[in-house]
């Protein structure tokens, strides 16, 4: 057991959950005005802006959060298996 590796895996998992909360914020617009949600958006949006140029929007659906979480899962598994 490597505590650094375990901490990195835990942080990547928590960040994936933060992205999900950020996505739910688009479904509940009154969340956007809450201070806790603004803090989450400040942490998540810089990472999500990396995927914006990929133009993963199809109509009303933006698949960039799904791709972002998928990249985090791959990165987490690589760290876990090292």
Protein backbone atom coordinates (compact mmCIF):
# COMPACT_ATOMS: atom_id res chain seq x y z
CA UNK A 1 0.00 0.00 0.00
CA UNK A 2 1.42 3.29 -1.12
CA UNK A 3 -0.28 6.20 0.67
CA UNK A 4 0.62 8.72 -2.06
CA UNK A 5 -0.87 6.52 -4.77
CA UNK A 6 -3.98 5.92 -2.66
CA UNK A 7 -4.38 9.65 -2.04
CA UNK A 8 -4.08 10.41 -5.77
CA UNK A 9 -6.68 7.79 -6.63
CA UNK A 10 -8.99 9.20 -3.96
CA UNK A 11 -8.51 12.77 -5.23
CA UNK A 12 -9.25 11.77 -8.82
CA UNK A 13 -12.38 9.93 -7.71
CA UNK A 14 -13.53 12.94 -5.66
CA UNK A 15 -12.85 15.24 -8.63
CA UNK A 16 -15.04 13.01 -10.81
CA UNK A 17 -17.84 13.42 -8.30
CA UNK A 18 -17.33 17.19 -8.30
CA UNK A 19 -17.80 17.16 -12.07
CA UNK A 20 -21.09 15.29 -11.61
CA UNK A 21 -22.28 17.87 -9.07
CA UNK A 22 -21.28 20.61 -11.52
CA UNK A 23 -23.32 18.89 -14.26
CA UNK A 24 -26.35 18.66 -11.98
CA UNK A 25 -26.01 22.41 -11.50
CA UNK A 26 -27.17 22.86 -15.07
CA UNK A 27 -30.35 20.97 -14.21
CA UNK A 28 -31.01 23.01 -11.07
CA UNK A 29 -30.30 26.64 -12.02
CA UNK A 30 -30.84 27.97 -8.48
CA UNK A 31 -27.71 26.06 -7.42
CA UNK A 32 -25.56 28.36 -9.55
CA UNK A 33 -26.11 31.23 -7.13
CA UNK A 34 -25.03 29.28 -4.06
CA UNK A 35 -21.53 29.97 -2.71
CA UNK A 36 -20.69 26.25 -2.42
CA UNK A 37 -21.58 25.73 -6.07
CA UNK A 38 -19.48 28.71 -7.16
CA UNK A 39 -16.54 27.12 -5.34
CA UNK A 40 -17.10 23.81 -7.16
CA UNK A 41 -17.42 25.63 -10.49
CA UNK A 42 -14.15 27.43 -9.82
CA UNK A 43 -12.41 24.08 -9.35
CA UNK A 44 -14.10 22.17 -12.19
CA UNK A 45 -14.43 24.72 -15.00
CA UNK A 46 -10.69 25.09 -15.76
CA UNK A 47 -10.48 21.33 -16.40
CA UNK A 48 -13.71 21.34 -18.39
CA UNK A 49 -12.44 24.19 -20.59
CA UNK A 50 -9.79 21.79 -21.90
CA UNK A 51 -12.57 19.79 -23.58
CA UNK A 52 -14.54 22.73 -25.00
CA UNK A 53 -12.51 22.95 -28.26
CA UNK A 54 -13.47 19.33 -29.04
CA UNK A 55 -17.02 20.55 -29.76
CA UNK A 56 -18.78 17.61 -28.15
CA UNK A 57 -22.15 19.36 -28.10
CA UNK A 58 -25.00 17.68 -29.95
CA UNK A 59 -28.16 19.76 -29.78
CA UNK A 60 -28.93 20.30 -26.11
CA UNK A 61 -26.51 17.62 -24.98
CA UNK A 62 -22.90 18.37 -24.09
CA UNK A 63 -20.84 15.20 -23.87
CA UNK A 64 -17.67 16.94 -22.69
CA UNK A 65 -18.31 16.12 -18.99
CA UNK A 66 -18.63 12.45 -19.89
CA UNK A 67 -15.35 12.54 -21.81
CA UNK A 68 -13.68 14.47 -18.98
CA UNK A 69 -14.76 11.87 -16.42
CA UNK A 70 -13.67 9.07 -18.75
CA UNK A 71 -10.19 10.64 -19.01
CA UNK A 72 -10.03 10.89 -15.21
CA UNK A 73 -11.04 7.23 -14.88
CA UNK A 74 -8.32 6.16 -17.31
CA UNK A 75 -5.74 8.30 -15.50
CA UNK A 76 -6.89 6.93 -12.13
CA UNK A 77 -6.57 3.33 -13.35
CA UNK A 78 -3.08 3.99 -14.71
CA UNK A 79 -2.02 5.40 -11.32
CA UNK A 80 -3.71 2.53 -9.48
CA UNK A 81 -1.95 -0.14 -11.54
CA UNK A 82 1.56 1.35 -11.28
